[in-house]
Amino acid sequence: MEANTIGTRKWEVPLKKQRILFVCLGNIVRSPLAENLFRHLTQQAGVGHKYEVDSAGTGSWHVGEPPDPRMGRVAARHGLQYGGRARQFKRDDFERFDLIIAMDTDNRAYLFNKARTAEEQNKIHILREFDPQGGPNASVPDPYYGGPDGFETVYQVIERSCKGLLEALEKGRVEVTA
């Protein structure tokens, strides 16, 4: 909230929330973890009121399913409990969200192909560009077909990246297209 005063009257004006969508392939491992972890980090930092987050997948295979229980177990070991149901990315997500964060370069390419305007393309980022150990073309690996160590690695990558994203947003280093 931002306080404004006219004469002797004072009122609160709600700040517009920054709307962020995290996108992976099936929306059951990486993007729901990023959604919930980012939300958790904003709440811990006392800025949760400034952000609205969601997640989606580029594919439809898992629509309606809960997050992968293997990632849920890893997240729980780190103190993060979450739920939700998978959904597929829709064209109108470009209108609903200010930032669209892809988990890997394939997801980013899919989103760029769906974008119809330069403004929509400017909303697209890759999560690891905010990871101090990542870069503009670094992908969050997909642990789906691997063992338990892969899920822990992905948790660490997403946690670092979400912390970096939140810091960049809070310091105004990310252009948010509203």
C-alpha atoms as a PDB file:
ATOM      1  CA  MET A   1       0.000   0.000   0.000  1.00  0.00           C
ATOM      2  CA  GLU A   2       1.103   3.510  -0.713  1.00  0.00           C
ATOM      3  CA  ALA A   3      -0.187   6.371   1.437  1.00  0.00           C
ATOM      4  CA  ASN A   4      -1.498   9.481  -0.302  1.00  0.00           C
ATOM      5  CA  THR A   5      -2.762  12.717   1.241  1.00  0.00           C
ATOM      6  CA  ILE A   6      -5.019  15.436  -0.186  1.00  0.00           C
ATOM      7  CA  GLY A   7      -5.744  18.241   2.247  1.00  0.00           C
ATOM      8  CA  THR A   8      -6.377  16.519   5.568  1.00  0.00           C
ATOM      9  CA  ARG A   9      -7.666  13.251   4.080  1.00  0.00           C
ATOM     10  CA  LYS A  10      -5.336  10.294   3.847  1.00  0.00           C
ATOM     11  CA  TRP A  11      -6.067   7.034   2.041  1.00  0.00           C
ATOM     12  CA  GLU A  12      -4.260   3.861   1.006  1.00  0.00           C
ATOM     13  CA  VAL A  13      -3.797   3.100  -2.682  1.00  0.00           C
ATOM     14  CA  PRO A  14      -3.129  -0.585  -3.384  1.00  0.00           C
ATOM     15  CA  LEU A  15       0.038  -1.186  -5.362  1.00  0.00           C
ATOM     16  CA  LYS A  16      -0.345  -3.251  -8.530  1.00  0.00           C
ATOM     17  CA  LYS A  17       0.983  -6.746  -7.963  1.00  0.00           C
ATOM     18  CA  GLN A  18       3.650  -8.016 -10.308  1.00  0.00           C
ATOM     19  CA  ARG A  19       2.258 -11.171 -11.888  1.00  0.00           C
ATOM     20  CA  ILE A  20       4.794 -13.922 -12.597  1.00  0.00           C
ATOM     21  CA  LEU A  21       4.216 -17.230 -14.387  1.00  0.00           C
ATOM     22  CA  PHE A  22       6.787 -20.043 -14.158  1.00  0.00           C
ATOM     23  CA  VAL A  23       6.728 -22.491 -17.105  1.00  0.00           C
ATOM     24  CA  CYS A  24       8.222 -25.968 -17.590  1.00  0.00           C
ATOM     25  CA  LEU A  25       7.299 -28.969 -19.731  1.00  0.00           C
ATOM     26  CA  GLY A  26       4.604 -30.770 -17.733  1.00  0.00           C
ATOM     27  CA  ASN A  27       3.988 -28.428 -14.778  1.00  0.00           C
ATOM     28  CA  ILE A  28       4.534 -31.154 -12.169  1.00  0.00           C
ATOM     29  CA  VAL A  29       8.193 -30.736 -11.133  1.00  0.00           C
ATOM     30  CA  ARG A  30      10.152 -27.571 -11.909  1.00  0.00           C
ATOM     31  CA  SER A  31       7.576 -24.824 -12.466  1.00  0.00           C
ATOM     32  CA  PRO A  32       5.330 -25.674  -9.477  1.00  0.00           C
ATOM     33  CA  LEU A  33       8.440 -25.797  -7.282  1.00  0.00           C
ATOM     34  CA  ALA A  34       9.539 -22.387  -8.602  1.00  0.00           C
ATOM     35  CA  GLU A  35       6.031 -20.972  -8.085  1.00  0.00           C
ATOM     36  CA  ASN A  36       5.762 -22.148  -4.505  1.00  0.00           C
ATOM     37  CA  LEU A  37       9.368 -21.453  -3.572  1.00  0.00           C
ATOM     38  CA  PHE A  38       9.194 -17.912  -4.968  1.00  0.00           C
ATOM     39  CA  ARG A  39       5.929 -17.308  -3.083  1.00  0.00           C
ATOM     40  CA  HIS A  40       7.568 -18.641   0.106  1.00  0.00           C
ATOM     41  CA  LEU A  41      10.606 -16.390  -0.350  1.00  0.00           C
ATOM     42  CA  THR A  42       8.444 -13.294  -0.894  1.00  0.00           C
ATOM     43  CA  GLN A  43       6.467 -14.052   2.256  1.00  0.00           C
ATOM     44  CA  GLN A  44       9.669 -14.570   4.270  1.00  0.00           C
ATOM     45  CA  ALA A  45      10.953 -11.214   2.980  1.00  0.00           C
ATOM     46  CA  GLY A  46       7.685  -9.459   3.862  1.00  0.00           C
ATOM     47  CA  VAL A  47       6.935  -8.578   0.225  1.00  0.00           C
ATOM     48  CA  GLY A  48       4.433 -11.321  -0.631  1.00  0.00           C
ATOM     49  CA  HIS A  49       1.730  -8.682  -1.095  1.00  0.00           C
ATOM     50  CA  LYS A  50       3.638  -7.348  -4.135  1.00  0.00           C
ATOM     51  CA  TYR A  51       3.564 -10.552  -6.182  1.00  0.00           C
ATOM     52  CA  GLU A  52       1.053 -12.933  -7.710  1.00  0.00           C
ATOM     53  CA  VAL A  53       2.567 -16.188  -8.954  1.00  0.00           C
ATOM     54  CA  ASP A  54       1.375 -19.221 -10.886  1.00  0.00           C
ATOM     55  CA  SER A  55       2.866 -21.998 -12.991  1.00  0.00           C
ATOM     56  CA  ALA A  56       2.022 -23.850 -16.200  1.00  0.00           C
ATOM     57  CA  GLY A  57       3.407 -26.443 -18.581  1.00  0.00           C
ATOM     58  CA  THR A  58       3.970 -26.311 -22.304  1.00  0.00           C
ATOM     59  CA  GLY A  59       2.520 -29.818 -22.689  1.00  0.00           C
ATOM     60  CA  SER A  60      -0.868 -31.216 -21.717  1.00  0.00           C
ATOM     61  CA  TRP A  61       0.198 -34.678 -20.462  1.00  0.00           C
ATOM     62  CA  HIS A  62      -0.214 -33.914 -16.761  1.00  0.00           C
ATOM     63  CA  VAL A  63      -3.092 -31.392 -16.743  1.00  0.00           C
ATOM     64  CA  GLY A  64      -5.029 -31.761 -13.508  1.00  0.00           C
ATOM     65  CA  GLU A  65      -2.361 -33.825 -11.745  1.00  0.00           C
ATOM     66  CA  PRO A  66      -0.704 -32.800  -8.457  1.00  0.00           C
ATOM     67  CA  PRO A  67       3.032 -32.025  -8.343  1.00  0.00           C
ATOM     68  CA  ASP A  68       5.446 -34.953  -8.592  1.00  0.00           C
ATOM     69  CA  PRO A  69       5.717 -36.565  -5.126  1.00  0.00           C
ATOM     70  CA  ARG A  70       9.497 -37.022  -5.493  1.00  0.00           C
ATOM     71  CA  MET A  71       9.989 -33.254  -5.701  1.00  0.00           C
ATOM     72  CA  GLY A  72       7.447 -32.805  -2.928  1.00  0.00           C
ATOM     73  CA  ARG A  73       9.551 -34.988  -0.626  1.00  0.00           C
ATOM     74  CA  VAL A  74      12.719 -33.032  -1.421  1.00  0.00           C
ATOM     75  CA  ALA A  75      10.916 -29.724  -0.866  1.00  0.00           C
ATOM     76  CA  ALA A  76       9.481 -30.987   2.443  1.00  0.00           C
ATOM     77  CA  ARG A  77      13.000 -31.802   3.649  1.00  0.00           C
ATOM     78  CA  HIS A  78      13.751 -28.114   3.072  1.00  0.00           C
ATOM     79  CA  GLY A  79      10.627 -27.022   4.953  1.00  0.00           C
ATOM     80  CA  LEU A  80       8.488 -26.239   1.887  1.00  0.00           C
ATOM     81  CA  GLN A  81       5.073 -27.913   1.623  1.00  0.00           C
ATOM     82  CA  TYR A  82       3.012 -27.293  -1.487  1.00  0.00           C
ATOM     83  CA  GLY A  83       0.217 -28.597  -3.657  1.00  0.00           C
ATOM     84  CA  GLY A  84      -1.661 -27.413  -6.703  1.00  0.00           C
ATOM     85  CA  ARG A  85      -2.707 -28.961  -9.989  1.00  0.00           C
ATOM     86  CA  ALA A  86      -0.918 -28.922 -13.335  1.00  0.00           C
ATOM     87  CA  ARG A  87      -2.266 -26.747 -16.123  1.00  0.00           C
ATOM     88  CA  GLN A  88      -1.158 -25.986 -19.651  1.00  0.00           C
ATOM     89  CA  PHE A  89       0.115 -22.591 -20.804  1.00  0.00           C
ATOM     90  CA  LYS A  90      -2.574 -20.597 -22.646  1.00  0.00           C
ATOM     91  CA  ARG A  91      -2.232 -17.710 -25.081  1.00  0.00           C
ATOM     92  CA  ASP A  92      -4.054 -15.362 -22.709  1.00  0.00           C
ATOM     93  CA  ASP A  93      -1.295 -15.930 -20.141  1.00  0.00           C
ATOM     94  CA  PHE A  94       0.637 -13.292 -22.085  1.00  0.00           C
ATOM     95  CA  GLU A  95      -2.095 -10.816 -21.135  1.00  0.00           C
ATOM     96  CA  ARG A  96      -2.473 -12.013 -17.528  1.00  0.00           C
ATOM     97  CA  PHE A  97       1.209 -12.029 -16.529  1.00  0.00           C
ATOM     98  CA  ASP A  98       3.933  -9.385 -16.451  1.00  0.00           C
ATOM     99  CA  LEU A  99       6.818 -11.877 -16.461  1.00  0.00           C
ATOM    100  CA  ILE A 100       6.868 -15.379 -17.923  1.00  0.00           C
ATOM    101  CA  ILE A 101       9.807 -17.401 -16.624  1.00  0.00           C
ATOM    102  CA  ALA A 102      10.840 -20.520 -18.561  1.00  0.00           C
ATOM    103  CA  MET A 103      12.728 -23.336 -16.869  1.00  0.00           C
ATOM    104  CA  ASP A 104      14.822 -24.261 -19.912  1.00  0.00           C
ATOM    105  CA  THR A 105      15.721 -23.170 -23.418  1.00  0.00           C
ATOM    106  CA  ASP A 106      13.121 -25.491 -25.020  1.00  0.00           C
ATOM    107  CA  ASN A 107      10.348 -23.970 -22.887  1.00  0.00           C
ATOM    108  CA  ARG A 108      11.640 -20.500 -23.757  1.00  0.00           C
ATOM    109  CA  ALA A 109      11.615 -21.334 -27.494  1.00  0.00           C
ATOM    110  CA  TYR A 110       8.032 -22.623 -27.172  1.00  0.00           C
ATOM    111  CA  LEU A 111       6.985 -19.378 -25.482  1.00  0.00           C
ATOM    112  CA  PHE A 112       8.747 -17.226 -28.087  1.00  0.00           C
ATOM    113  CA  ASN A 113       6.899 -19.152 -30.815  1.00  0.00           C
ATOM    114  CA  LYS A 114       3.578 -18.453 -29.066  1.00  0.00           C
ATOM    115  CA  ALA A 115       4.315 -14.740 -28.603  1.00  0.00           C
ATOM    116  CA  ARG A 116       2.700 -12.520 -31.214  1.00  0.00           C
ATOM    117  CA  THR A 117       4.298  -9.185 -30.356  1.00  0.00           C
ATOM    118  CA  ALA A 118       7.613  -7.790 -29.189  1.00  0.00           C
ATOM    119  CA  GLU A 119       5.885  -6.808 -25.923  1.00  0.00           C
ATOM    120  CA  GLU A 120       4.944 -10.451 -25.309  1.00  0.00           C
ATOM    121  CA  GLN A 121       8.467 -11.607 -26.157  1.00  0.00           C
ATOM    122  CA  ASN A 122       9.910  -9.061 -23.714  1.00  0.00           C
ATOM    123  CA  LYS A 123       7.977 -10.732 -20.887  1.00  0.00           C
ATOM    124  CA  ILE A 124       9.846 -14.018 -21.420  1.00  0.00           C
ATOM    125  CA  HIS A 125      12.926 -14.820 -19.340  1.00  0.00           C
ATOM    126  CA  ILE A 126      14.761 -18.001 -18.403  1.00  0.00           C
ATOM    127  CA  LEU A 127      14.963 -18.671 -14.658  1.00  0.00           C
ATOM    128  CA  ARG A 128      18.700 -19.326 -14.528  1.00  0.00           C
ATOM    129  CA  GLU A 129      19.527 -15.866 -15.814  1.00  0.00           C
ATOM    130  CA  PHE A 130      18.914 -14.936 -12.157  1.00  0.00           C
ATOM    131  CA  ASP A 131      21.128 -17.757 -10.813  1.00  0.00           C
ATOM    132  CA  PRO A 132      24.638 -16.595  -9.858  1.00  0.00           C
ATOM    133  CA  GLN A 133      25.849 -19.971 -11.183  1.00  0.00           C
ATOM    134  CA  GLY A 134      23.652 -19.835 -14.313  1.00  0.00           C
ATOM    135  CA  GLY A 135      23.441 -17.500 -17.260  1.00  0.00           C
ATOM    136  CA  PRO A 136      21.197 -16.275 -20.079  1.00  0.00           C
ATOM    137  CA  ASN A 137      21.029 -19.701 -21.734  1.00  0.00           C
ATOM    138  CA  ALA A 138      21.402 -21.987 -18.718  1.00  0.00           C
ATOM    139  CA  SER A 139      18.545 -24.426 -18.152  1.00  0.00           C
ATOM    140  CA  VAL A 140      17.081 -25.896 -14.986  1.00  0.00           C
ATOM    141  CA  PRO A 141      17.656 -29.624 -15.601  1.00  0.00           C
ATOM    142  CA  ASP A 142      14.580 -31.861 -15.728  1.00  0.00           C
ATOM    143  CA  PRO A 143      14.988 -34.610 -13.096  1.00  0.00           C
ATOM    144  CA  TYR A 144      11.843 -36.525 -14.123  1.00  0.00           C
ATOM    145  CA  TYR A 145      13.605 -39.616 -15.535  1.00  0.00           C
ATOM    146  CA  GLY A 146      16.540 -39.577 -13.125  1.00  0.00           C
ATOM    147  CA  GLY A 147      17.191 -40.567  -9.554  1.00  0.00           C
ATOM    148  CA  PRO A 148      16.639 -38.747  -6.247  1.00  0.00           C
ATOM    149  CA  ASP A 149      19.884 -36.760  -6.484  1.00  0.00           C
ATOM    150  CA  GLY A 150      18.535 -34.968  -9.539  1.00  0.00           C
ATOM    151  CA  PHE A 151      15.572 -33.649  -7.569  1.00  0.00           C
ATOM    152  CA  GLU A 152      17.854 -32.265  -4.863  1.00  0.00           C
ATOM    153  CA  THR A 153      20.045 -30.614  -7.509  1.00  0.00           C
ATOM    154  CA  VAL A 154      16.978 -29.033  -9.126  1.00  0.00           C
ATOM    155  CA  TYR A 155      15.752 -27.786  -5.758  1.00  0.00           C
ATOM    156  CA  GLN A 156      19.113 -26.067  -5.165  1.00  0.00           C
ATOM    157  CA  VAL A 157      19.152 -24.511  -8.658  1.00  0.00           C
ATOM    158  CA  ILE A 158      15.584 -23.231  -8.370  1.00  0.00           C
ATOM    159  CA  GLU A 159      16.141 -21.878  -4.864  1.00  0.00           C
ATOM    160  CA  ARG A 160      19.251 -19.914  -5.964  1.00  0.00           C
ATOM    161  CA  SER A 161      17.460 -18.685  -9.065  1.00  0.00           C
ATOM    162  CA  CYS A 162      14.291 -17.613  -7.224  1.00  0.00           C
ATOM    163  CA  LYS A 163      16.373 -15.745  -4.649  1.00  0.00           C
ATOM    164  CA  GLY A 164      18.174 -14.007  -7.507  1.00  0.00           C
ATOM    165  CA  LEU A 165      14.890 -13.196  -9.258  1.00  0.00           C
ATOM    166  CA  LEU A 166      13.396 -11.709  -6.106  1.00  0.00           C
ATOM    167  CA  GLU A 167      16.515  -9.631  -5.488  1.00  0.00           C
ATOM    168  CA  ALA A 168      16.504  -8.395  -9.101  1.00  0.00           C
ATOM    169  CA  LEU A 169      12.824  -7.462  -8.892  1.00  0.00           C
ATOM    170  CA  GLU A 170      13.188  -5.715  -5.555  1.00  0.00           C
ATOM    171  CA  LYS A 171      16.175  -3.728  -6.825  1.00  0.00           C
ATOM    172  CA  GLY A 172      14.420  -2.833 -10.094  1.00  0.00           C
ATOM    173  CA  ARG A 173      16.881  -4.725 -12.280  1.00  0.00           C
ATOM    174  CA  VAL A 174      14.145  -6.579 -14.185  1.00  0.00           C
ATOM    175  CA  GLU A 175      11.919  -4.716 -16.570  1.00  0.00           C
ATOM    176  CA  VAL A 176       8.351  -5.731 -15.793  1.00  0.00           C
ATOM    177  CA  THR A 177       5.960  -5.335 -18.704  1.00  0.00           C
ATOM    178  CA  ALA A 178       2.581  -4.348 -17.285  1.00  0.00           C
END
